[in-house]
Amino acid sequence: MVRITESVSTILITLVINSSVGLLLLVGLLLAKNGLGAVAEVTGAARWWMLLPGLLGSLFVFAGILGYQKLGAAATISILVASQLCMGLLADA
C-alpha cells in the first residue's frame, strides 16, 4: 500500500484502489455463490448506519498508510493496536 501511495499523488487514490479491489472481489464471490437474487437482498437490507464500518475501516487504512510513511512500521502498529484496545475498553465501560 505504501508503494502505491508513493507512485500516486494522494493517499485517497490508494484508498480508492484498495476499496474497489475488495468490493469487486466480494461482489464477484456473492454473485458466484448466490446469484443475482443476493444483489436484491443487499439493496433491500441496506441502511444508512451500515456505512459506518466501511468508513471506520477506510479511516483505519488511511491511518496505517500515513503512519507507515511518517513513523515506520513498529510505531504505527503499536499505536493502532493500543488505540483499538483503549477504544474497546471505553466501549465496554
Protein backbone atom coordinates (compact mmCIF):
# COMPACT_ATOMS: atom_id res chain seq x y z
CA MET A 1 0.00 0.00 0.00
CA VAL A 2 2.84 2.36 0.77
CA ARG A 3 4.35 1.64 -2.65
CA ILE A 4 1.06 2.50 -4.31
CA THR A 5 0.92 5.73 -2.29
CA GLU A 6 4.46 6.61 -3.35
CA SER A 7 3.54 6.21 -7.03
CA VAL A 8 0.39 8.39 -6.96
CA SER A 9 -0.30 11.97 -5.97
CA THR A 10 -2.50 11.38 -2.90
CA ILE A 11 -3.39 8.73 -0.33
CA LEU A 12 -7.01 8.94 -1.47
CA ILE A 13 -6.12 7.21 -4.74
CA THR A 14 -4.58 4.37 -2.75
CA LEU A 15 -7.72 4.09 -0.64
CA VAL A 16 -9.94 4.04 -3.74
CA ILE A 17 -7.81 1.28 -5.30
CA ASN A 18 -7.85 -0.73 -2.06
CA SER A 19 -11.60 -0.39 -1.56
CA SER A 20 -12.53 -1.04 -5.18
CA VAL A 21 -10.47 -4.22 -5.41
CA GLY A 22 -12.03 -5.53 -2.19
CA LEU A 23 -15.54 -4.58 -3.31
CA LEU A 24 -15.13 -6.20 -6.73
CA LEU A 25 -13.82 -9.40 -5.15
CA LEU A 26 -16.67 -9.56 -2.64
CA VAL A 27 -19.36 -8.82 -5.24
CA GLY A 28 -17.87 -11.49 -7.50
CA LEU A 29 -17.94 -14.04 -4.68
CA LEU A 30 -21.50 -13.07 -3.77
CA LEU A 31 -22.71 -13.42 -7.36
CA ALA A 32 -20.89 -16.73 -7.83
CA LYS A 33 -22.38 -18.17 -4.67
CA ASN A 34 -25.92 -16.74 -4.56
CA GLY A 35 -26.62 -15.23 -7.99
CA LEU A 36 -28.45 -12.00 -8.79
CA GLY A 37 -31.00 -12.53 -6.00
CA ALA A 38 -28.28 -11.69 -3.49
CA VAL A 39 -27.86 -8.21 -5.01
CA ALA A 40 -31.56 -7.53 -4.49
CA GLU A 41 -31.26 -8.76 -0.91
CA VAL A 42 -28.28 -6.48 -0.24
CA THR A 43 -30.02 -3.40 -1.62
CA GLY A 44 -33.22 -4.22 0.27
CA ALA A 45 -31.42 -4.70 3.58
CA ALA A 46 -29.12 -1.67 3.29
CA ARG A 47 -29.50 1.06 5.93
CA TRP A 48 -27.55 4.30 6.30
CA TRP A 49 -25.84 3.22 9.52
CA MET A 50 -24.38 0.20 7.72
CA LEU A 51 -21.90 2.59 6.10
CA LEU A 52 -20.15 3.23 9.42
CA PRO A 53 -17.96 0.07 9.47
CA GLY A 54 -16.73 0.84 5.97
CA LEU A 55 -15.93 4.43 6.90
CA LEU A 56 -14.11 3.33 10.03
CA GLY A 57 -12.20 0.72 8.04
CA SER A 58 -11.14 3.31 5.50
CA LEU A 59 -10.02 5.60 8.32
CA PHE A 60 -8.00 2.73 9.79
CA VAL A 61 -6.30 2.01 6.44
CA PHE A 62 -5.63 5.75 5.95
CA ALA A 63 -4.06 5.99 9.41
CA GLY A 64 -1.96 2.91 8.70
CA ILE A 65 -0.63 4.22 5.40
CA LEU A 66 0.11 7.64 6.81
CA GLY A 67 1.72 6.13 9.91
CA TYR A 68 3.98 3.83 7.89
CA GLN A 69 5.17 6.82 5.87
CA LYS A 70 5.75 9.15 8.82
CA LEU A 71 6.56 6.89 11.79
CA GLY A 72 7.58 3.49 10.45
CA ALA A 73 6.03 0.06 10.90
CA ALA A 74 6.67 -0.66 14.59
CA ALA A 75 5.37 2.66 15.90
CA THR A 76 2.34 2.59 13.60
CA ILE A 77 1.30 -0.92 14.61
CA SER A 78 1.86 -0.15 18.29
CA ILE A 79 -0.26 3.00 18.15
CA LEU A 80 -3.06 1.37 16.15
CA VAL A 81 -3.27 -1.69 18.42
CA ALA A 82 -3.11 0.44 21.60
CA SER A 83 -5.80 2.81 20.32
CA GLN A 84 -8.08 -0.10 19.40
CA LEU A 85 -7.63 -1.62 22.84
CA CYS A 86 -8.36 1.68 24.56
CA MET A 87 -11.46 2.33 22.45
CA GLY A 88 -12.66 -1.22 23.14
CA LEU A 89 -12.25 -0.68 26.87
CA LEU A 90 -14.16 2.62 26.65
CA ALA A 91 -16.93 0.99 24.64
CA ASP A 92 -17.25 -1.81 27.21
CA ALA A 93 -17.32 0.60 30.15
